[in-house]
C-alpha atoms as a PDB file:
ATOM      1  CA  MET A   1      -8.948 -15.836  -0.962  1.00  0.00           C
ATOM      2  CA  LYS A   2     -10.944 -12.306  -0.616  1.00  0.00           C
ATOM      3  CA  THR A   3      -9.675  -9.514  -2.831  1.00  0.00           C
ATOM      4  CA  LEU A   4      -8.648  -6.911  -0.197  1.00  0.00           C
ATOM      5  CA  TYR A   5      -7.568  -3.250  -0.973  1.00  0.00           C
ATOM      6  CA  ILE A   6      -5.336  -1.205   0.852  1.00  0.00           C
ATOM      7  CA  ASN A   7      -8.038   1.128   1.506  1.00  0.00           C
ATOM      8  CA  GLN A   8      -9.864  -1.667   3.551  1.00  0.00           C
ATOM      9  CA  LEU A   9      -7.241  -1.650   5.817  1.00  0.00           C
ATOM     10  CA  PRO A  10      -6.954   0.425   9.341  1.00  0.00           C
ATOM     11  CA  GLN A  11      -5.701   3.930   8.789  1.00  0.00           C
ATOM     12  CA  SER A  12      -2.728   3.006  10.861  1.00  0.00           C
ATOM     13  CA  LYS A  13      -1.639   0.455   8.224  1.00  0.00           C
ATOM     14  CA  GLN A  14      -2.331   2.451   5.177  1.00  0.00           C
ATOM     15  CA  GLU A  15      -0.289   5.263   6.850  1.00  0.00           C
ATOM     16  CA  GLU A  16       2.712   2.726   7.291  1.00  0.00           C
ATOM     17  CA  ILE A  17       2.185   1.548   3.762  1.00  0.00           C
ATOM     18  CA  LYS A  18       2.246   4.888   2.378  1.00  0.00           C
ATOM     19  CA  ALA A  19       5.323   5.787   4.250  1.00  0.00           C
ATOM     20  CA  GLN A  20       6.953   2.383   2.765  1.00  0.00           C
ATOM     21  CA  LEU A  21       6.225   3.370  -0.399  1.00  0.00           C
ATOM     22  CA  GLU A  22       7.377   6.940  -0.153  1.00  0.00           C
ATOM     23  CA  ALA A  23      10.401   5.807   1.479  1.00  0.00           C
ATOM     24  CA  PHE A  24      11.165   3.186  -1.897  1.00  0.00           C
ATOM     25  CA  GLY A  25      10.974   6.510  -3.538  1.00  0.00           C
ATOM     26  CA  LEU A  26       7.712   6.344  -5.620  1.00  0.00           C
ATOM     27  CA  THR A  27       6.259   9.906  -6.727  1.00  0.00           C
ATOM     28  CA  PRO A  28       2.962  11.246  -5.290  1.00  0.00           C
ATOM     29  CA  ASP A  29       1.310   9.917  -8.243  1.00  0.00           C
ATOM     30  CA  GLU A  30       2.570   6.451  -7.819  1.00  0.00           C
ATOM     31  CA  VAL A  31       2.471   6.736  -4.183  1.00  0.00           C
ATOM     32  CA  GLN A  32      -1.306   7.395  -4.835  1.00  0.00           C
ATOM     33  CA  ASP A  33      -2.198   4.735  -7.553  1.00  0.00           C
ATOM     34  CA  ALA A  34      -0.449   2.089  -5.248  1.00  0.00           C
ATOM     35  CA  MET A  35      -2.829   2.926  -2.396  1.00  0.00           C
ATOM     36  CA  ASP A  36      -5.799   2.683  -5.050  1.00  0.00           C
ATOM     37  CA  SER A  37      -4.527  -1.007  -5.391  1.00  0.00           C
ATOM     38  CA  LYS A  38      -5.112  -4.560  -4.173  1.00  0.00           C
ATOM     39  CA  VAL A  39      -2.530  -5.517  -1.233  1.00  0.00           C
ATOM     40  CA  CYS A  40      -1.353  -8.231  -3.694  1.00  0.00           C
ATOM     41  CA  ASP A  41      -0.415  -5.765  -5.918  1.00  0.00           C
ATOM     42  CA  ILE A  42       2.309  -3.888  -3.963  1.00  0.00           C
ATOM     43  CA  GLU A  43       3.550  -7.163  -1.783  1.00  0.00           C
ATOM     44  CA  GLU A  44       6.891  -7.066  -4.044  1.00  0.00           C
ATOM     45  CA  ILE A  45       7.772  -3.778  -2.916  1.00  0.00           C
ATOM     46  CA  VAL A  46       6.561  -3.313   1.027  1.00  0.00           C
ATOM     47  CA  LYS A  47       5.825  -5.562   3.872  1.00  0.00           C
ATOM     48  CA  VAL A  48       2.372  -6.167   4.631  1.00  0.00           C
ATOM     49  CA  ASN A  49       0.907  -7.891   7.538  1.00  0.00           C
ATOM     50  CA  CYS A  50      -2.612  -7.988   7.682  1.00  0.00           C
END
């Protein structure tokens, strides 16, 4: 399976993921770190439907 980074997703999907991360209670720095990650790295925190 090919590695997929969050920044490769459509902008609308990135915004949805960011909102979920913020709602989870992450700090702005933690949100940015997560947004720079692979999709598989955050699947336990947010629901990602690609």
